[in-house]
Amino acid sequence: MGFNDRRFIDLHIHSTASDGTLEPLEIIDAALAAGLSAISITDHDTTDGCKKVLSQSPHPALDFLTGVEISAAFPSIVTVTGSIHILGYDIDVHNTRLNHHLAELRAARNDRSPRIIQRLNQIGIPLSTEDIAPFARGSQTGRPHIAQAMVHKGYAASINEVFDKYIGKNGSAFVDKERISCRLAIELITDAGGIPVLAHPGLIDLPGQHSLEELLDVLIDQGILGIEAYYPGHSRQETGLYSDFARSHGLLVTGGSDFHGDINPDIQMGKGRGDLFVDYQLYEQIKAYNG
């Protein structure tokens, strides 16, 4: 089985509803052009991209799975700051409680950007909200939009440089953000009829006294139902490890490219850096699980 038989999928895609550079309907066109059989738009803390797709007639050659990616705080047993990302699949995008909490998270995200700009100004980089607006294209603003604006104005050579030097976790203008608990994120997804999945476990940086298996055991107790094993940042060995763990614990296996468009141009939709392959059977298993 290979890329040309139209049986591969991508269940981790971002649109302009959060921090991607393609409109939701442009993503549909790009997915069809790439030969994908199923996709999910999993924007950060919003279902607006999915709603846009659902407002149109579905394309018969492409299965569409509603999705979201929620930034949550680590469980209390893990003494680490930062976010753990929970993907939600096959959700009711109109669920009132889910949308209420997502709106609060977006408000916190939008409030973060002016604070980052203020810190950049304090260290001598005269960036403004007006500089960022063209890159956000009317959607919620985030760090990728700030990075794009800084590169455009010549304050850095690349988006990676902006994150490394200025707005990443160890950067001089970093501002932390508000998060909900993992338990609540999982509960919101489940209450919306969806399937909560741990995103890209290989990117989780745990202190030495904690193991990923320990974290997963806690998340399973809280209701996690799947692991994103297939991901461009995972080695083949890691993909096998996460897949084996999922199956041995009765969890679903998912995968996707984390496509953002021009913000991360080395990542292709459906193919990652060229060697990602997520089998259509994984989409079928999600749909079968949710009846």
Protein backbone atom coordinates (compact mmCIF):
# COMPACT_ATOMS: atom_id res chain seq x y z
CA MET A 1 0.00 0.00 0.00
CA GLY A 2 1.39 3.45 -0.85
CA PHE A 3 0.58 7.06 -1.48
CA ASN A 4 -0.99 6.48 -4.89
CA ASP A 5 -3.81 4.12 -3.88
CA ARG A 6 -5.85 6.87 -2.12
CA ARG A 7 -6.10 5.04 1.17
CA PHE A 8 -4.07 7.30 3.42
CA ILE A 9 -5.36 9.98 5.75
CA ASP A 10 -4.34 12.99 7.83
CA LEU A 11 -6.10 13.56 11.14
CA HIS A 12 -4.08 16.56 12.36
CA ILE A 13 -4.51 19.68 10.22
CA HIS A 14 -4.75 23.37 11.16
CA SER A 15 -6.63 26.02 9.22
CA THR A 16 -6.85 29.81 9.36
CA ALA A 17 -9.45 29.34 12.11
CA SER A 18 -6.42 28.99 14.41
CA ASP A 19 -2.81 29.24 13.21
CA GLY A 20 -2.74 27.58 9.79
CA THR A 21 -2.38 29.47 6.52
CA LEU A 22 -5.03 27.68 4.43
CA GLU A 23 -8.74 28.40 4.70
CA PRO A 24 -10.85 25.38 5.70
CA LEU A 25 -12.23 24.90 2.20
CA GLU A 26 -8.73 25.32 0.75
CA ILE A 27 -7.71 22.41 2.97
CA ILE A 28 -10.41 20.26 1.40
CA ASP A 29 -9.09 21.10 -2.08
CA ALA A 30 -5.48 20.45 -1.02
CA ALA A 31 -6.42 17.12 0.57
CA LEU A 32 -8.15 15.98 -2.61
CA ALA A 33 -5.19 17.08 -4.71
CA ALA A 34 -2.87 15.11 -2.40
CA GLY A 35 -4.96 11.96 -2.80
CA LEU A 36 -6.09 11.74 0.80
CA SER A 37 -9.11 9.59 1.66
CA ALA A 38 -10.01 11.19 5.01
CA ILE A 39 -8.97 14.23 7.02
CA SER A 40 -9.71 16.03 10.25
CA ILE A 41 -9.28 19.74 10.87
CA THR A 42 -8.03 20.04 14.46
CA ASP A 43 -7.64 23.75 15.10
CA HIS A 44 -6.38 25.02 18.43
CA ASP A 45 -9.25 25.66 20.83
CA THR A 46 -11.87 26.26 18.11
CA THR A 47 -14.26 24.32 15.92
CA ASP A 48 -14.88 27.19 13.49
CA GLY A 49 -12.87 25.55 10.71
CA CYS A 50 -14.91 22.37 11.00
CA LYS A 51 -18.14 24.36 11.02
CA LYS A 52 -17.11 26.03 7.77
CA VAL A 53 -16.50 22.67 6.10
CA LEU A 54 -19.77 21.22 7.43
CA SER A 55 -21.68 24.19 6.04
CA GLN A 56 -20.80 22.99 2.53
CA SER A 57 -21.89 19.82 0.76
CA PRO A 58 -19.43 17.00 1.57
CA HIS A 59 -17.13 15.85 -1.21
CA PRO A 60 -17.83 12.19 -2.06
CA ALA A 61 -14.12 11.36 -2.44
CA LEU A 62 -13.07 12.65 0.99
CA ASP A 63 -14.30 11.55 4.41
CA PHE A 64 -14.32 14.36 6.96
CA LEU A 65 -13.92 13.91 10.71
CA THR A 66 -14.66 16.83 13.00
CA GLY A 67 -11.85 17.69 15.37
CA VAL A 68 -10.23 20.10 17.80
CA GLU A 69 -6.89 20.39 19.63
CA ILE A 70 -7.13 21.61 23.21
CA SER A 71 -4.14 22.94 25.14
CA ALA A 72 -4.33 21.56 28.66
CA ALA A 73 -2.23 21.62 31.81
CA PHE A 74 -0.32 18.51 32.81
CA PRO A 75 -1.91 16.29 35.47
CA SER A 76 -0.87 17.24 38.99
CA ILE A 77 1.42 14.22 39.36
CA VAL A 78 3.76 15.71 36.73
CA THR A 79 5.75 18.66 38.03
CA VAL A 80 6.28 20.42 34.71
CA THR A 81 4.96 23.61 33.17
CA GLY A 82 3.75 23.92 29.61
CA SER A 83 0.93 22.34 27.66
CA ILE A 84 -0.17 18.84 26.92
CA HIS A 85 -2.33 18.70 23.81
CA ILE A 86 -5.54 16.69 23.67
CA LEU A 87 -7.12 16.01 20.29
CA GLY A 88 -10.87 15.50 20.10
CA TYR A 89 -12.35 13.57 17.18
CA ASP A 90 -15.88 13.09 15.87
CA ILE A 91 -17.19 15.81 18.17
CA ASP A 92 -20.46 17.70 18.01
CA VAL A 93 -19.06 21.08 16.97
CA HIS A 94 -22.19 22.82 18.27
CA ASN A 95 -21.96 21.41 21.80
CA THR A 96 -22.71 24.34 24.12
CA ARG A 97 -20.41 23.43 27.01
CA LEU A 98 -17.47 22.62 24.74
CA ASN A 99 -17.83 25.88 22.83
CA HIS A 100 -18.13 27.89 26.04
CA HIS A 101 -14.78 26.62 27.32
CA LEU A 102 -13.14 26.94 23.91
CA ALA A 103 -14.24 30.58 23.75
CA GLU A 104 -12.57 31.21 27.12
CA LEU A 105 -9.36 29.59 25.92
CA ARG A 106 -9.38 31.69 22.74
CA ALA A 107 -9.88 34.84 24.79
CA ALA A 108 -6.86 33.91 26.90
CA ARG A 109 -4.86 33.18 23.74
CA ASN A 110 -5.80 36.54 22.22
CA ASP A 111 -4.89 38.31 25.45
CA ARG A 112 -1.48 36.65 25.35
CA SER A 113 -0.43 38.24 22.06
CA PRO A 114 -0.47 41.89 23.29
CA ARG A 115 1.58 40.82 26.31
CA ILE A 116 4.16 39.19 24.05
CA ILE A 117 4.25 42.31 21.87
CA GLN A 118 4.80 44.43 24.97
CA ARG A 119 7.78 42.30 25.98
CA LEU A 120 9.20 42.46 22.44
CA ASN A 121 8.90 46.25 22.57
CA GLN A 122 10.71 46.29 25.91
CA ILE A 123 13.70 44.47 24.41
CA GLY A 124 13.85 46.80 21.42
CA ILE A 125 11.68 45.12 18.77
CA PRO A 126 8.98 47.63 17.71
CA LEU A 127 6.27 45.18 16.69
CA SER A 128 2.58 46.17 16.88
CA THR A 129 -0.79 44.44 16.73
CA GLU A 130 -1.29 46.07 13.33
CA ASP A 131 1.81 44.23 12.08
CA ILE A 132 0.32 40.90 13.09
CA ALA A 133 -3.24 41.38 11.80
CA PRO A 134 -2.57 40.51 8.13
CA PHE A 135 -1.15 37.13 9.14
CA ALA A 136 -4.05 36.24 11.45
CA ARG A 137 -6.49 36.96 8.59
CA GLY A 138 -9.34 37.77 10.95
CA SER A 139 -8.97 34.67 13.14
CA GLN A 140 -7.54 34.32 16.63
CA THR A 141 -3.99 35.61 16.94
CA GLY A 142 -1.21 33.38 18.17
CA ARG A 143 2.53 33.04 18.38
CA PRO A 144 2.90 31.73 14.78
CA HIS A 145 1.32 34.97 13.52
CA ILE A 146 3.75 37.01 15.62
CA ALA A 147 6.62 34.95 14.23
CA GLN A 148 5.45 35.52 10.65
CA ALA A 149 5.22 39.26 11.25
CA MET A 150 8.72 39.37 12.74
CA VAL A 151 10.22 37.52 9.79
CA HIS A 152 8.32 39.77 7.36
CA LYS A 153 9.71 42.89 9.04
CA GLY A 154 13.24 41.50 9.08
CA TYR A 155 13.61 41.00 12.83
CA ALA A 156 14.53 37.35 12.31
CA ALA A 157 15.54 35.09 9.44
CA SER A 158 13.01 32.34 10.11
CA ILE A 159 10.01 31.38 12.22
CA ASN A 160 12.16 28.86 14.08
CA GLU A 161 14.58 31.62 15.01
CA VAL A 162 11.73 33.73 16.41
CA PHE A 163 10.58 30.88 18.62
CA ASP A 164 14.10 29.92 19.70
CA LYS A 165 15.22 33.44 20.58
CA TYR A 166 12.08 35.32 21.51
CA ILE A 167 8.68 33.68 21.96
CA GLY A 168 9.39 30.01 22.65
CA LYS A 169 9.43 28.63 26.18
CA ASN A 170 13.00 29.80 26.81
CA GLY A 171 12.75 32.99 24.75
CA SER A 172 13.29 36.51 26.02
CA ALA A 173 9.68 37.57 25.27
CA PHE A 174 7.89 34.37 26.27
CA VAL A 175 4.53 34.70 27.99
CA ASP A 176 2.83 31.62 29.40
CA LYS A 177 -0.85 30.98 28.69
CA GLU A 178 -3.95 29.93 30.55
CA ARG A 179 -4.90 26.25 30.31
CA ILE A 180 -7.66 23.96 31.46
CA SER A 181 -6.94 20.66 33.17
CA CYS A 182 -6.43 17.47 31.19
CA ARG A 183 -9.36 15.95 32.99
CA LEU A 184 -11.66 18.79 31.90
CA ALA A 185 -10.38 18.73 28.30
CA ILE A 186 -11.08 14.99 28.10
CA GLU A 187 -14.47 15.44 29.74
CA LEU A 188 -15.49 18.22 27.33
CA ILE A 189 -14.57 16.12 24.30
CA THR A 190 -16.38 13.07 25.67
CA ASP A 191 -19.48 15.08 26.57
CA ALA A 192 -19.52 16.40 22.99
CA GLY A 193 -19.73 12.81 21.75
CA GLY A 194 -16.08 12.72 20.75
CA ILE A 195 -12.96 10.65 21.23
CA PRO A 196 -10.10 12.23 23.26
CA VAL A 197 -6.61 11.40 22.00
CA LEU A 198 -3.17 12.32 23.34
CA ALA A 199 -1.40 14.37 20.65
CA HIS A 200 2.24 13.76 19.61
CA PRO A 201 3.51 12.00 22.76
CA GLY A 202 7.06 12.08 21.39
CA LEU A 203 7.13 15.86 21.84
CA ILE A 204 6.28 15.67 25.54
CA ASP A 205 9.32 16.60 27.61
CA LEU A 206 8.98 15.00 31.05
CA PRO A 207 11.27 15.43 34.05
CA GLY A 208 13.55 12.50 34.74
CA GLN A 209 11.48 11.21 37.64
CA HIS A 210 8.43 10.69 35.42
CA SER A 211 7.87 8.29 32.52
CA LEU A 212 5.53 8.60 29.57
CA GLU A 213 3.89 5.35 30.63
CA GLU A 214 3.15 6.84 34.04
CA LEU A 215 1.56 9.87 32.38
CA LEU A 216 -0.47 7.68 30.03
CA ASP A 217 -1.74 5.60 32.95
CA VAL A 218 -3.08 8.78 34.56
CA LEU A 219 -4.65 9.96 31.29
CA ILE A 220 -6.31 6.56 30.79
CA ASP A 221 -7.83 6.88 34.27
CA GLN A 222 -9.10 10.32 33.22
CA GLY A 223 -10.72 8.93 30.07
CA ILE A 224 -8.22 9.23 27.22
CA LEU A 225 -9.20 6.85 24.40
CA GLY A 226 -6.36 7.10 21.90
CA ILE A 227 -2.74 7.96 21.15
CA GLU A 228 -1.42 9.85 18.12
CA ALA A 229 1.33 7.38 17.24
CA TYR A 230 1.92 8.47 13.63
CA TYR A 231 3.50 11.92 13.58
CA PRO A 232 6.37 13.60 11.65
CA GLY A 233 8.31 14.19 14.86
CA HIS A 234 8.24 10.51 15.85
CA SER A 235 10.91 8.04 14.87
CA ARG A 236 9.87 4.66 13.51
CA GLN A 237 10.79 3.15 16.86
CA GLU A 238 8.62 5.66 18.74
CA THR A 239 5.68 5.04 16.41
CA GLY A 240 5.94 1.32 17.10
CA LEU A 241 6.25 1.89 20.84
CA TYR A 242 3.16 4.15 21.03
CA SER A 243 1.15 1.86 18.76
CA ASP A 244 2.01 -1.18 20.88
CA PHE A 245 1.15 0.64 24.09
CA ALA A 246 -2.20 1.78 22.66
CA ARG A 247 -3.19 -1.67 21.50
CA SER A 248 -2.09 -3.36 24.72
CA HIS A 249 -4.28 -0.93 26.68
CA GLY A 250 -7.27 -1.06 24.34
CA LEU A 251 -6.71 2.45 22.97
CA LEU A 252 -7.20 3.75 19.45
CA VAL A 253 -4.19 4.67 17.31
CA THR A 254 -4.35 7.88 15.26
CA GLY A 255 -1.96 9.97 13.22
CA GLY A 256 -1.49 13.16 11.28
CA SER A 257 1.00 15.64 9.92
CA ASP A 258 0.21 18.67 12.15
CA PHE A 259 -0.01 20.61 8.89
CA HIS A 260 0.03 24.42 9.26
CA GLY A 261 0.75 25.44 5.67
CA ASP A 262 3.37 28.12 5.03
CA ILE A 263 4.14 28.50 8.74
CA ASN A 264 5.91 25.14 8.64
CA PRO A 265 6.59 24.57 4.93
CA ASP A 266 8.62 21.37 5.31
CA ILE A 267 5.48 19.55 6.52
CA GLN A 268 3.23 18.33 3.70
CA MET A 269 -0.41 17.49 4.25
CA GLY A 270 -0.75 13.74 4.56
CA LYS A 271 2.97 13.04 4.11
CA GLY A 272 4.72 15.02 6.82
CA ARG A 273 8.32 15.33 5.69
CA GLY A 274 7.65 12.86 2.91
CA ASP A 275 7.56 9.54 4.73
CA LEU A 276 4.41 9.77 6.88
CA PHE A 277 1.72 7.21 6.10
CA VAL A 278 -1.46 6.99 8.17
CA ASP A 279 -3.66 4.12 7.03
CA TYR A 280 -7.34 4.67 6.25
CA GLN A 281 -8.16 1.79 8.58
CA LEU A 282 -7.41 4.06 11.54
CA TYR A 283 -10.18 6.41 10.41
CA GLU A 284 -12.52 3.43 10.08
CA GLN A 285 -11.65 2.30 13.61
CA ILE A 286 -12.51 5.73 15.03
CA LYS A 287 -15.86 5.77 13.24
CA ALA A 288 -16.60 2.20 14.32
CA TYR A 289 -15.72 3.00 17.95
CA ASN A 290 -18.12 5.93 17.95
CA GLY A 291 -20.84 3.86 16.30
